[in-house]
Amino acid sequence: MARLGVGLSFLVIFHILHMFGAADSTIARHSSPTAFIKAACRATDYPALCVQSLAGYASAIRHSERQLAQTALTVSLARVRSAQSYVAKLTRVRGIKPREYRAVKDCIENMGDSVDRLGQSVRELGQTGGAFGHDFMWHMSNVETWVSAALTDESTCLDGFSGRFMDGNIKSAITRRINNVAQVTSNALALVNRFAAKHRAASAAKQP
């Protein structure tokens, strides 16, 4: 059942990505889409994870900076949703202590906020296709703000388990899962920033 869920998530993400198009790249077409992704991922804090999480969508990303950022956000959103469901199951662990239960419930709320912000970011980035100048930068500023806030939500979840009185098993399970989510979101933010910077540079080069 878990494999089926992962497969369906992959198909849903792939379908969403194709809706946004990928005709806006200014990168030379001689390199493969995978090579393009690897080169872009060097700008992130976790390049190996970046490549691992995005390489499966190379045919949708092609050589588009916009599509790369869109994909990174969509993958991050899917990871956060999965983590939220995983953390929710921990509220039913037998023998969970009241302090741990509160931390888990707070984390679920943090993950919900992160889902909302990343969802907003995906939609906002999708509106930049025909935007230029100040309009484009306004949309991108919104995206960057919301992704940064989503990353803060994920970090706040981890903070709730920083006390030495937390159960080792619950703490380690959540820390491992949310750390991965936070790293994927951090990479998405870096690729969003990269897209915005390249768009600004291209626009400046066109000005007389």
N, C-alpha and C. Protein backbone atom coordinates (compact mmCIF):
# COMPACT_ATOMS: atom_id res chain seq x y z
N MET A 1 0.84 -1.21 0.00
CA MET A 1 0.00 0.00 0.00
C MET A 1 0.86 1.25 0.00
N ALA A 2 2.00 1.20 0.77
CA ALA A 2 2.90 2.35 0.84
C ALA A 2 3.51 2.63 -0.52
N ARG A 3 3.90 1.53 -1.23
CA ARG A 3 4.49 1.73 -2.56
C ARG A 3 3.48 2.35 -3.52
N LEU A 4 2.23 1.91 -3.41
CA LEU A 4 1.19 2.47 -4.27
C LEU A 4 1.04 3.95 -4.01
N GLY A 5 1.06 4.35 -2.72
CA GLY A 5 0.92 5.76 -2.36
C GLY A 5 2.04 6.59 -2.93
N VAL A 6 3.28 6.07 -2.83
CA VAL A 6 4.42 6.80 -3.38
C VAL A 6 4.30 6.95 -4.88
N GLY A 7 3.84 5.86 -5.54
CA GLY A 7 3.68 5.92 -6.98
C GLY A 7 2.65 6.95 -7.40
N LEU A 8 1.54 6.98 -6.67
CA LEU A 8 0.50 7.95 -6.99
C LEU A 8 0.98 9.37 -6.75
N SER A 9 1.75 9.57 -5.68
CA SER A 9 2.28 10.91 -5.39
C SER A 9 3.19 11.35 -6.52
N PHE A 10 4.02 10.43 -7.02
CA PHE A 10 4.93 10.75 -8.11
C PHE A 10 4.15 11.20 -9.35
N LEU A 11 3.08 10.46 -9.66
CA LEU A 11 2.29 10.79 -10.85
C LEU A 11 1.59 12.13 -10.69
N VAL A 12 1.08 12.41 -9.49
CA VAL A 12 0.41 13.68 -9.25
C VAL A 12 1.37 14.83 -9.41
N ILE A 13 2.56 14.70 -8.80
CA ILE A 13 3.58 15.76 -8.92
C ILE A 13 3.96 15.95 -10.38
N PHE A 14 4.17 14.84 -11.09
CA PHE A 14 4.59 14.93 -12.49
C PHE A 14 3.53 15.65 -13.32
N HIS A 15 2.25 15.36 -13.05
CA HIS A 15 1.16 16.02 -13.78
C HIS A 15 1.13 17.51 -13.50
N ILE A 16 1.30 17.89 -12.23
CA ILE A 16 1.28 19.31 -11.86
C ILE A 16 2.40 20.06 -12.56
N LEU A 17 3.56 19.46 -12.60
CA LEU A 17 4.72 20.14 -13.19
C LEU A 17 4.52 20.43 -14.67
N HIS A 18 3.91 19.50 -15.38
CA HIS A 18 3.72 19.71 -16.82
C HIS A 18 2.73 20.83 -17.11
N MET A 19 1.88 21.17 -16.18
CA MET A 19 0.89 22.23 -16.40
C MET A 19 1.54 23.60 -16.47
N PHE A 20 2.70 23.76 -15.89
CA PHE A 20 3.31 25.08 -15.82
C PHE A 20 4.20 25.39 -17.02
N GLY A 21 4.54 24.38 -17.83
CA GLY A 21 5.36 24.62 -19.01
C GLY A 21 6.82 24.77 -18.66
N ALA A 22 7.68 24.69 -19.72
CA ALA A 22 9.12 24.79 -19.45
C ALA A 22 9.84 25.43 -20.62
N ALA A 23 9.24 26.49 -21.19
CA ALA A 23 9.81 27.10 -22.39
C ALA A 23 10.60 28.35 -22.10
N ASP A 24 10.95 28.63 -20.83
CA ASP A 24 11.55 29.91 -20.50
C ASP A 24 13.03 29.82 -20.15
N SER A 25 13.68 28.73 -20.49
CA SER A 25 15.08 28.59 -20.09
C SER A 25 16.00 29.41 -20.98
N THR A 26 17.04 29.98 -20.35
CA THR A 26 18.08 30.68 -21.10
C THR A 26 19.37 29.87 -21.09
N ILE A 27 19.31 28.63 -20.60
CA ILE A 27 20.49 27.78 -20.51
C ILE A 27 20.70 27.06 -21.84
N ALA A 28 21.95 26.88 -22.22
CA ALA A 28 22.28 26.18 -23.46
C ALA A 28 21.69 24.78 -23.44
N ARG A 29 21.23 24.34 -24.61
CA ARG A 29 20.51 23.07 -24.70
C ARG A 29 21.44 21.87 -24.94
N HIS A 30 22.75 22.08 -24.95
CA HIS A 30 23.62 20.97 -25.30
C HIS A 30 23.77 19.99 -24.14
N SER A 31 23.51 20.41 -22.90
CA SER A 31 23.64 19.52 -21.76
C SER A 31 22.32 18.78 -21.53
N SER A 32 22.40 17.64 -20.87
CA SER A 32 21.19 16.86 -20.59
C SER A 32 20.42 17.51 -19.45
N PRO A 33 19.12 17.23 -19.34
CA PRO A 33 18.35 17.77 -18.22
C PRO A 33 18.93 17.37 -16.86
N THR A 34 19.44 16.14 -16.77
CA THR A 34 20.03 15.69 -15.50
C THR A 34 21.28 16.49 -15.17
N ALA A 35 22.09 16.78 -16.19
CA ALA A 35 23.29 17.59 -15.97
C ALA A 35 22.91 19.00 -15.55
N PHE A 36 21.84 19.52 -16.13
CA PHE A 36 21.33 20.84 -15.76
C PHE A 36 20.93 20.85 -14.28
N ILE A 37 20.23 19.81 -13.85
CA ILE A 37 19.80 19.71 -12.45
C ILE A 37 21.00 19.63 -11.52
N LYS A 38 21.98 18.82 -11.88
CA LYS A 38 23.18 18.67 -11.05
C LYS A 38 23.92 20.00 -10.91
N ALA A 39 24.01 20.73 -12.01
CA ALA A 39 24.69 22.03 -11.97
C ALA A 39 23.93 23.02 -11.09
N ALA A 40 22.62 23.03 -11.21
CA ALA A 40 21.80 23.95 -10.41
C ALA A 40 21.86 23.59 -8.93
N CYS A 41 21.91 22.31 -8.63
CA CYS A 41 21.91 21.85 -7.24
C CYS A 41 23.19 22.23 -6.50
N ARG A 42 24.22 22.62 -7.22
CA ARG A 42 25.44 23.07 -6.55
C ARG A 42 25.21 24.35 -5.76
N ALA A 43 24.13 25.06 -6.08
CA ALA A 43 23.82 26.31 -5.38
C ALA A 43 23.08 26.05 -4.07
N THR A 44 22.77 24.80 -3.77
CA THR A 44 22.02 24.47 -2.56
C THR A 44 22.95 24.00 -1.44
N ASP A 45 22.42 23.94 -0.23
CA ASP A 45 23.21 23.46 0.91
C ASP A 45 23.31 21.95 0.96
N TYR A 46 22.41 21.27 0.27
CA TYR A 46 22.40 19.81 0.28
C TYR A 46 22.31 19.30 -1.16
N PRO A 47 23.40 19.45 -1.92
CA PRO A 47 23.36 19.14 -3.36
C PRO A 47 23.03 17.69 -3.69
N ALA A 48 23.55 16.75 -2.91
CA ALA A 48 23.26 15.34 -3.21
C ALA A 48 21.78 15.04 -3.03
N LEU A 49 21.19 15.53 -1.96
CA LEU A 49 19.76 15.36 -1.73
C LEU A 49 18.96 16.08 -2.80
N CYS A 50 19.43 17.23 -3.22
CA CYS A 50 18.77 18.01 -4.27
C CYS A 50 18.66 17.19 -5.55
N VAL A 51 19.78 16.61 -5.97
CA VAL A 51 19.78 15.81 -7.19
C VAL A 51 18.90 14.58 -7.02
N GLN A 52 19.02 13.93 -5.87
CA GLN A 52 18.24 12.71 -5.62
C GLN A 52 16.73 12.98 -5.68
N SER A 53 16.31 14.13 -5.16
CA SER A 53 14.87 14.41 -5.09
C SER A 53 14.30 14.98 -6.39
N LEU A 54 15.17 15.48 -7.27
CA LEU A 54 14.68 16.13 -8.49
C LEU A 54 14.98 15.37 -9.78
N ALA A 55 15.96 14.48 -9.75
CA ALA A 55 16.38 13.80 -10.98
C ALA A 55 15.25 13.02 -11.63
N GLY A 56 14.33 12.50 -10.83
CA GLY A 56 13.21 11.74 -11.39
C GLY A 56 12.25 12.57 -12.23
N TYR A 57 12.38 13.90 -12.15
CA TYR A 57 11.50 14.81 -12.90
C TYR A 57 12.26 15.54 -14.01
N ALA A 58 13.41 14.99 -14.39
CA ALA A 58 14.27 15.66 -15.37
C ALA A 58 13.54 15.93 -16.69
N SER A 59 12.69 15.00 -17.13
CA SER A 59 12.01 15.19 -18.41
C SER A 59 10.99 16.32 -18.35
N ALA A 60 10.47 16.61 -17.15
CA ALA A 60 9.54 17.73 -16.99
C ALA A 60 10.29 19.05 -16.80
N ILE A 61 11.42 18.98 -16.11
CA ILE A 61 12.22 20.18 -15.85
C ILE A 61 12.94 20.65 -17.10
N ARG A 62 13.48 19.69 -17.85
CA ARG A 62 14.30 19.98 -19.04
C ARG A 62 15.41 20.95 -18.67
N HIS A 63 15.42 22.17 -19.25
CA HIS A 63 16.46 23.15 -18.94
C HIS A 63 15.85 24.45 -18.42
N SER A 64 14.69 24.35 -17.80
CA SER A 64 13.95 25.53 -17.37
C SER A 64 14.22 25.86 -15.90
N GLU A 65 14.73 27.06 -15.65
CA GLU A 65 14.95 27.52 -14.27
C GLU A 65 13.62 27.62 -13.53
N ARG A 66 12.60 28.10 -14.21
CA ARG A 66 11.28 28.22 -13.60
C ARG A 66 10.74 26.84 -13.22
N GLN A 67 10.83 25.91 -14.15
CA GLN A 67 10.30 24.57 -13.89
C GLN A 67 11.10 23.87 -12.79
N LEU A 68 12.39 24.15 -12.74
CA LEU A 68 13.23 23.59 -11.68
C LEU A 68 12.76 24.07 -10.31
N ALA A 69 12.54 25.37 -10.19
CA ALA A 69 12.06 25.93 -8.92
C ALA A 69 10.67 25.40 -8.59
N GLN A 70 9.81 25.32 -9.61
CA GLN A 70 8.45 24.82 -9.40
C GLN A 70 8.48 23.37 -8.92
N THR A 71 9.34 22.58 -9.53
CA THR A 71 9.46 21.17 -9.15
C THR A 71 9.96 21.04 -7.72
N ALA A 72 10.98 21.82 -7.38
CA ALA A 72 11.55 21.76 -6.03
C ALA A 72 10.49 22.09 -4.98
N LEU A 73 9.67 23.10 -5.25
CA LEU A 73 8.61 23.46 -4.32
C LEU A 73 7.55 22.36 -4.21
N THR A 74 7.18 21.79 -5.34
CA THR A 74 6.16 20.76 -5.35
C THR A 74 6.63 19.50 -4.62
N VAL A 75 7.89 19.14 -4.83
CA VAL A 75 8.46 17.99 -4.11
C VAL A 75 8.52 18.27 -2.62
N SER A 76 8.92 19.47 -2.25
CA SER A 76 8.96 19.85 -0.84
C SER A 76 7.58 19.76 -0.21
N LEU A 77 6.58 20.25 -0.91
CA LEU A 77 5.20 20.20 -0.42
C LEU A 77 4.77 18.75 -0.18
N ALA A 78 5.09 17.87 -1.12
CA ALA A 78 4.73 16.46 -0.97
C ALA A 78 5.44 15.83 0.23
N ARG A 79 6.71 16.19 0.43
CA ARG A 79 7.47 15.65 1.57
C ARG A 79 6.87 16.12 2.90
N VAL A 80 6.49 17.38 2.96
CA VAL A 80 5.92 17.92 4.20
C VAL A 80 4.59 17.25 4.51
N ARG A 81 3.77 17.06 3.50
CA ARG A 81 2.48 16.39 3.72
C ARG A 81 2.69 14.97 4.24
N SER A 82 3.66 14.27 3.66
CA SER A 82 3.96 12.91 4.11
C SER A 82 4.46 12.91 5.55
N ALA A 83 5.32 13.88 5.88
CA ALA A 83 5.85 13.98 7.24
C ALA A 83 4.76 14.30 8.24
N GLN A 84 3.83 15.15 7.83
CA GLN A 84 2.71 15.50 8.72
C GLN A 84 1.89 14.26 9.07
N SER A 85 1.62 13.43 8.08
CA SER A 85 0.86 12.19 8.31
C SER A 85 1.64 11.24 9.21
N TYR A 86 2.95 11.18 8.98
CA TYR A 86 3.80 10.31 9.79
C TYR A 86 3.81 10.75 11.25
N VAL A 87 3.98 12.04 11.49
CA VAL A 87 4.02 12.56 12.85
C VAL A 87 2.67 12.36 13.54
N ALA A 88 1.58 12.51 12.79
CA ALA A 88 0.24 12.33 13.38
C ALA A 88 0.06 10.93 13.95
N LYS A 89 0.68 9.94 13.31
CA LYS A 89 0.56 8.56 13.79
C LYS A 89 1.24 8.38 15.15
N LEU A 90 2.22 9.22 15.44
CA LEU A 90 2.95 9.08 16.70
C LEU A 90 2.12 9.48 17.91
N THR A 91 1.02 10.19 17.69
CA THR A 91 0.15 10.54 18.83
C THR A 91 -0.53 9.30 19.39
N ARG A 92 -0.52 8.21 18.61
CA ARG A 92 -1.17 6.97 19.04
C ARG A 92 -0.19 5.94 19.58
N VAL A 93 1.07 6.35 19.74
CA VAL A 93 2.08 5.43 20.28
C VAL A 93 1.74 5.10 21.73
N ARG A 94 1.76 3.84 22.05
CA ARG A 94 1.42 3.42 23.41
C ARG A 94 2.45 3.93 24.41
N GLY A 95 1.96 4.50 25.50
CA GLY A 95 2.85 4.95 26.56
C GLY A 95 3.46 6.32 26.33
N ILE A 96 2.99 7.05 25.32
CA ILE A 96 3.55 8.38 25.06
C ILE A 96 3.26 9.29 26.26
N LYS A 97 4.26 10.05 26.65
CA LYS A 97 4.13 10.92 27.82
C LYS A 97 3.43 12.23 27.45
N PRO A 98 2.79 12.88 28.42
CA PRO A 98 2.08 14.13 28.14
C PRO A 98 2.96 15.19 27.49
N ARG A 99 4.21 15.32 27.94
CA ARG A 99 5.12 16.31 27.36
C ARG A 99 5.41 15.98 25.89
N GLU A 100 5.61 14.71 25.62
CA GLU A 100 5.87 14.26 24.25
C GLU A 100 4.63 14.46 23.37
N TYR A 101 3.48 14.14 23.93
CA TYR A 101 2.23 14.28 23.18
C TYR A 101 2.02 15.73 22.75
N ARG A 102 2.27 16.67 23.67
CA ARG A 102 2.11 18.09 23.34
C ARG A 102 3.08 18.51 22.24
N ALA A 103 4.32 18.02 22.33
CA ALA A 103 5.32 18.36 21.32
C ALA A 103 4.93 17.81 19.95
N VAL A 104 4.41 16.59 19.94
CA VAL A 104 3.97 15.98 18.68
C VAL A 104 2.79 16.76 18.10
N LYS A 105 1.83 17.14 18.94
CA LYS A 105 0.68 17.91 18.46
C LYS A 105 1.12 19.27 17.92
N ASP A 106 2.07 19.91 18.60
CA ASP A 106 2.59 21.19 18.11
C ASP A 106 3.28 21.01 16.76
N CYS A 107 4.01 19.91 16.63
CA CYS A 107 4.71 19.63 15.37
C CYS A 107 3.72 19.43 14.23
N ILE A 108 2.63 18.73 14.51
CA ILE A 108 1.59 18.54 13.49
C ILE A 108 1.05 19.88 13.02
N GLU A 109 0.85 20.79 13.97
CA GLU A 109 0.36 22.13 13.62
C GLU A 109 1.40 22.89 12.80
N ASN A 110 2.66 22.78 13.19
CA ASN A 110 3.73 23.41 12.42
C ASN A 110 3.79 22.88 11.00
N MET A 111 3.65 21.57 10.85
CA MET A 111 3.67 20.96 9.52
C MET A 111 2.47 21.41 8.69
N GLY A 112 1.33 21.59 9.35
CA GLY A 112 0.16 22.10 8.64
C GLY A 112 0.39 23.50 8.12
N ASP A 113 1.03 24.34 8.94
CA ASP A 113 1.36 25.70 8.50
C ASP A 113 2.34 25.66 7.33
N SER A 114 3.30 24.75 7.42
CA SER A 114 4.29 24.62 6.34
C SER A 114 3.62 24.19 5.04
N VAL A 115 2.68 23.26 5.13
CA VAL A 115 1.92 22.83 3.95
C VAL A 115 1.19 24.01 3.32
N ASP A 116 0.54 24.82 4.15
CA ASP A 116 -0.20 25.97 3.64
C ASP A 116 0.72 26.95 2.92
N ARG A 117 1.87 27.23 3.52
CA ARG A 117 2.79 28.22 2.93
C ARG A 117 3.42 27.70 1.64
N LEU A 118 3.77 26.43 1.63
CA LEU A 118 4.35 25.87 0.41
C LEU A 118 3.30 25.78 -0.70
N GLY A 119 2.07 25.48 -0.33
CA GLY A 119 0.99 25.47 -1.32
C GLY A 119 0.79 26.85 -1.93
N GLN A 120 0.84 27.88 -1.09
CA GLN A 120 0.76 29.26 -1.59
C GLN A 120 1.92 29.56 -2.53
N SER A 121 3.09 29.08 -2.18
CA SER A 121 4.28 29.35 -2.98
C SER A 121 4.19 28.71 -4.36
N VAL A 122 3.71 27.47 -4.39
CA VAL A 122 3.54 26.77 -5.67
C VAL A 122 2.58 27.54 -6.57
N ARG A 123 1.47 27.98 -6.01
CA ARG A 123 0.48 28.73 -6.80
C ARG A 123 1.03 30.08 -7.24
N GLU A 124 1.74 30.75 -6.35
CA GLU A 124 2.28 32.08 -6.67
C GLU A 124 3.33 32.00 -7.77
N LEU A 125 4.21 31.02 -7.67
CA LEU A 125 5.24 30.86 -8.70
C LEU A 125 4.60 30.54 -10.04
N GLY A 126 3.48 29.84 -10.01
CA GLY A 126 2.78 29.52 -11.25
C GLY A 126 2.21 30.75 -11.94
N GLN A 127 2.11 31.87 -11.22
CA GLN A 127 1.57 33.10 -11.80
C GLN A 127 2.65 34.01 -12.38
N THR A 128 3.89 33.58 -12.34
CA THR A 128 4.98 34.43 -12.83
C THR A 128 5.24 34.26 -14.32
N GLY A 129 4.53 33.33 -14.96
CA GLY A 129 4.81 33.05 -16.36
C GLY A 129 4.75 34.26 -17.27
N GLY A 130 3.75 35.11 -17.09
CA GLY A 130 3.62 36.29 -17.94
C GLY A 130 3.99 37.57 -17.24
N ALA A 131 4.64 37.46 -16.09
CA ALA A 131 4.97 38.65 -15.29
C ALA A 131 6.35 39.18 -15.66
N PHE A 132 6.50 40.50 -15.58
CA PHE A 132 7.77 41.15 -15.89
C PHE A 132 8.04 42.26 -14.88
N GLY A 133 9.29 42.65 -14.80
CA GLY A 133 9.66 43.80 -13.99
C GLY A 133 9.21 43.71 -12.55
N HIS A 134 8.60 44.79 -12.07
CA HIS A 134 8.17 44.85 -10.67
C HIS A 134 7.10 43.82 -10.36
N ASP A 135 6.26 43.52 -11.33
CA ASP A 135 5.21 42.52 -11.12
C ASP A 135 5.83 41.16 -10.84
N PHE A 136 6.84 40.81 -11.64
CA PHE A 136 7.53 39.54 -11.43
C PHE A 136 8.18 39.49 -10.05
N MET A 137 8.89 40.55 -9.68
CA MET A 137 9.60 40.57 -8.42
C MET A 137 8.64 40.55 -7.23
N TRP A 138 7.45 41.13 -7.41
CA TRP A 138 6.45 41.08 -6.34
C TRP A 138 6.02 39.64 -6.08
N HIS A 139 5.74 38.91 -7.17
CA HIS A 139 5.38 37.50 -7.03
C HIS A 139 6.52 36.71 -6.38
N MET A 140 7.75 36.95 -6.83
CA MET A 140 8.88 36.19 -6.31
C MET A 140 9.15 36.53 -4.85
N SER A 141 8.94 37.78 -4.48
CA SER A 141 9.11 38.15 -3.07
C SER A 141 8.12 37.39 -2.19
N ASN A 142 6.90 37.24 -2.68
CA ASN A 142 5.91 36.46 -1.94
C ASN A 142 6.35 35.01 -1.79
N VAL A 143 6.82 34.44 -2.89
CA VAL A 143 7.27 33.05 -2.87
C VAL A 143 8.41 32.87 -1.87
N GLU A 144 9.40 33.73 -1.95
CA GLU A 144 10.56 33.63 -1.06
C GLU A 144 10.16 33.78 0.40
N THR A 145 9.24 34.70 0.67
CA THR A 145 8.78 34.91 2.05
C THR A 145 8.06 33.68 2.58
N TRP A 146 7.20 33.09 1.77
CA TRP A 146 6.42 31.94 2.23
C TRP A 146 7.28 30.69 2.39
N VAL A 147 8.24 30.49 1.48
CA VAL A 147 9.11 29.32 1.62
C VAL A 147 9.99 29.46 2.86
N SER A 148 10.48 30.67 3.10
CA SER A 148 11.27 30.92 4.31
C SER A 148 10.44 30.64 5.56
N ALA A 149 9.18 31.05 5.54
CA ALA A 149 8.29 30.82 6.68
C ALA A 149 8.03 29.32 6.86
N ALA A 150 7.89 28.60 5.76
CA ALA A 150 7.69 27.14 5.83
C ALA A 150 8.90 26.47 6.47
N LEU A 151 10.08 26.94 6.11
CA LEU A 151 11.30 26.39 6.69
C LEU A 151 11.36 26.68 8.19
N THR A 152 10.92 27.86 8.59
CA THR A 152 10.85 28.20 10.01
C THR A 152 9.87 27.29 10.75
N ASP A 153 8.73 27.00 10.13
CA ASP A 153 7.76 26.09 10.74
C ASP A 153 8.39 24.72 11.00
N GLU A 154 9.16 24.25 10.05
CA GLU A 154 9.79 22.93 10.19
C GLU A 154 10.84 22.94 11.30
N SER A 155 11.59 24.03 11.39
CA SER A 155 12.59 24.16 12.45
C SER A 155 11.92 24.25 13.82
N THR A 156 10.78 24.93 13.87
CA THR A 156 10.04 25.07 15.13
C THR A 156 9.56 23.71 15.62
N CYS A 157 9.17 22.85 14.71
CA CYS A 157 8.78 21.49 15.08
C CYS A 157 9.94 20.79 15.77
N LEU A 158 11.13 20.90 15.21
CA LEU A 158 12.30 20.25 15.80
C LEU A 158 12.64 20.83 17.16
N ASP A 159 12.44 22.13 17.32
CA ASP A 159 12.74 22.78 18.61
C ASP A 159 11.92 22.17 19.74
N GLY A 160 10.74 21.71 19.41
CA GLY A 160 9.87 21.13 20.44
C GLY A 160 10.40 19.84 21.03
N PHE A 161 11.38 19.23 20.35
CA PHE A 161 11.94 17.96 20.82
C PHE A 161 13.39 18.11 21.28
N SER A 162 13.80 19.34 21.55
CA SER A 162 15.19 19.59 21.94
C SER A 162 15.47 19.29 23.41
N GLY A 163 14.43 19.17 24.22
CA GLY A 163 14.62 18.92 25.65
C GLY A 163 15.17 17.53 25.92
N ARG A 164 15.95 17.38 26.96
CA ARG A 164 16.58 16.09 27.28
C ARG A 164 15.60 15.11 27.90
N PHE A 165 14.38 15.56 28.21
CA PHE A 165 13.39 14.67 28.82
C PHE A 165 12.52 13.97 27.78
N MET A 166 12.75 14.27 26.51
CA MET A 166 11.94 13.65 25.46
C MET A 166 12.34 12.19 25.27
N ASP A 167 11.36 11.37 24.89
CA ASP A 167 11.62 9.96 24.65
C ASP A 167 12.57 9.78 23.48
N GLY A 168 13.55 8.94 23.62
CA GLY A 168 14.57 8.75 22.59
C GLY A 168 14.01 8.28 21.27
N ASN A 169 13.10 7.31 21.30
CA ASN A 169 12.57 6.75 20.06
C ASN A 169 11.71 7.75 19.29
N ILE A 170 10.81 8.42 20.00
CA ILE A 170 9.94 9.40 19.34
C ILE A 170 10.77 10.57 18.83
N LYS A 171 11.67 11.05 19.66
CA LYS A 171 12.51 12.18 19.28
C LYS A 171 13.36 11.85 18.06
N SER A 172 14.00 10.68 18.06
CA SER A 172 14.88 10.33 16.94
C SER A 172 14.08 10.11 15.66
N ALA A 173 12.88 9.53 15.77
CA ALA A 173 12.06 9.29 14.59
C ALA A 173 11.62 10.60 13.95
N ILE A 174 11.16 11.53 14.78
CA ILE A 174 10.70 12.81 14.26
C ILE A 174 11.87 13.65 13.75
N THR A 175 12.95 13.67 14.51
CA THR A 175 14.12 14.46 14.10
C THR A 175 14.64 14.02 12.74
N ARG A 176 14.74 12.70 12.55
CA ARG A 176 15.24 12.17 11.28
C ARG A 176 14.32 12.57 10.13
N ARG A 177 13.02 12.45 10.33
CA ARG A 177 12.05 12.73 9.26
C ARG A 177 11.99 14.23 8.95
N ILE A 178 11.90 15.06 9.99
CA ILE A 178 11.74 16.50 9.77
C ILE A 178 13.04 17.13 9.28
N ASN A 179 14.18 16.60 9.71
CA ASN A 179 15.45 17.11 9.19
C ASN A 179 15.52 16.94 7.67
N ASN A 180 15.07 15.79 7.18
CA ASN A 180 15.06 15.55 5.74
C ASN A 180 14.13 16.52 5.04
N VAL A 181 12.95 16.73 5.62
CA VAL A 181 11.99 17.67 5.04
C VAL A 181 12.57 19.08 5.00
N ALA A 182 13.19 19.50 6.10
CA ALA A 182 13.77 20.85 6.17
C ALA A 182 14.89 21.03 5.15
N GLN A 183 15.67 19.99 4.93
CA GLN A 183 16.74 20.08 3.94
C GLN A 183 16.18 20.21 2.52
N VAL A 184 15.11 19.47 2.23
CA VAL A 184 14.47 19.57 0.92
C VAL A 184 13.88 20.97 0.73
N THR A 185 13.27 21.51 1.77
CA THR A 185 12.70 22.86 1.69
C THR A 185 13.80 23.91 1.55
N SER A 186 14.90 23.72 2.27
CA SER A 186 16.04 24.63 2.14
C SER A 186 16.56 24.64 0.71
N ASN A 187 16.65 23.47 0.11
CA ASN A 187 17.10 23.38 -1.29
C ASN A 187 16.11 24.09 -2.21
N ALA A 188 14.83 23.91 -1.96
CA ALA A 188 13.81 24.57 -2.78
C ALA A 188 13.95 26.08 -2.70
N LEU A 189 14.19 26.60 -1.50
CA LEU A 189 14.37 28.04 -1.34
C LEU A 189 15.58 28.53 -2.11
N ALA A 190 16.67 27.77 -2.07
CA ALA A 190 17.87 28.15 -2.81
C ALA A 190 17.61 28.19 -4.32
N LEU A 191 16.84 27.24 -4.83
CA LEU A 191 16.54 27.21 -6.26
C LEU A 191 15.56 28.30 -6.66
N VAL A 192 14.66 28.65 -5.76
CA VAL A 192 13.76 29.79 -6.00
C VAL A 192 14.58 31.07 -6.08
N ASN A 193 15.50 31.25 -5.14
CA ASN A 193 16.37 32.43 -5.15
C ASN A 193 17.22 32.47 -6.41
N ARG A 194 17.69 31.31 -6.84
CA ARG A 194 18.50 31.22 -8.07
C ARG A 194 17.68 31.65 -9.28
N PHE A 195 16.45 31.16 -9.36
CA PHE A 195 15.57 31.53 -10.47
C PHE A 195 15.33 33.03 -10.50
N ALA A 196 15.03 33.62 -9.34
CA ALA A 196 14.77 35.06 -9.26
C ALA A 196 16.00 35.86 -9.67
N ALA A 197 17.17 35.43 -9.21
CA ALA A 197 18.41 36.14 -9.52
C ALA A 197 18.73 36.08 -11.01
N LYS A 198 18.55 34.91 -11.61
CA LYS A 198 18.83 34.76 -13.04
C LYS A 198 17.84 35.57 -13.87
N HIS A 199 16.59 35.62 -13.43
CA HIS A 199 15.58 36.41 -14.15
C HIS A 199 15.93 37.89 -14.08
N ARG A 200 16.35 38.35 -12.90
CA ARG A 200 16.75 39.76 -12.75
C ARG A 200 17.94 40.08 -13.65
N ALA A 201 18.92 39.18 -13.68
CA ALA A 201 20.11 39.41 -14.49
C ALA A 201 19.77 39.46 -15.97
N ALA A 202 18.88 38.57 -16.40
CA ALA A 202 18.48 38.54 -17.81
C ALA A 202 17.72 39.81 -18.18
N SER A 203 16.86 40.28 -17.27
CA SER A 203 16.10 41.50 -17.52
C SER A 203 17.01 42.71 -17.59
N ALA A 204 18.00 42.76 -16.70
CA ALA A 204 18.95 43.88 -16.69
C ALA A 204 19.78 43.91 -17.96
N ALA A 205 20.11 42.73 -18.48
CA ALA A 205 20.93 42.66 -19.69
C ALA A 205 20.17 43.17 -20.91
N LYS A 206 18.84 43.10 -20.87
CA LYS A 206 18.03 43.55 -22.00
C LYS A 206 17.82 45.05 -22.01
N GLN A 207 18.06 45.69 -20.87
CA GLN A 207 17.84 47.13 -20.79
C GLN A 207 18.96 47.89 -21.49
N PRO A 208 18.61 49.00 -22.19
CA PRO A 208 19.63 49.78 -22.92
C PRO A 208 20.57 50.50 -21.96
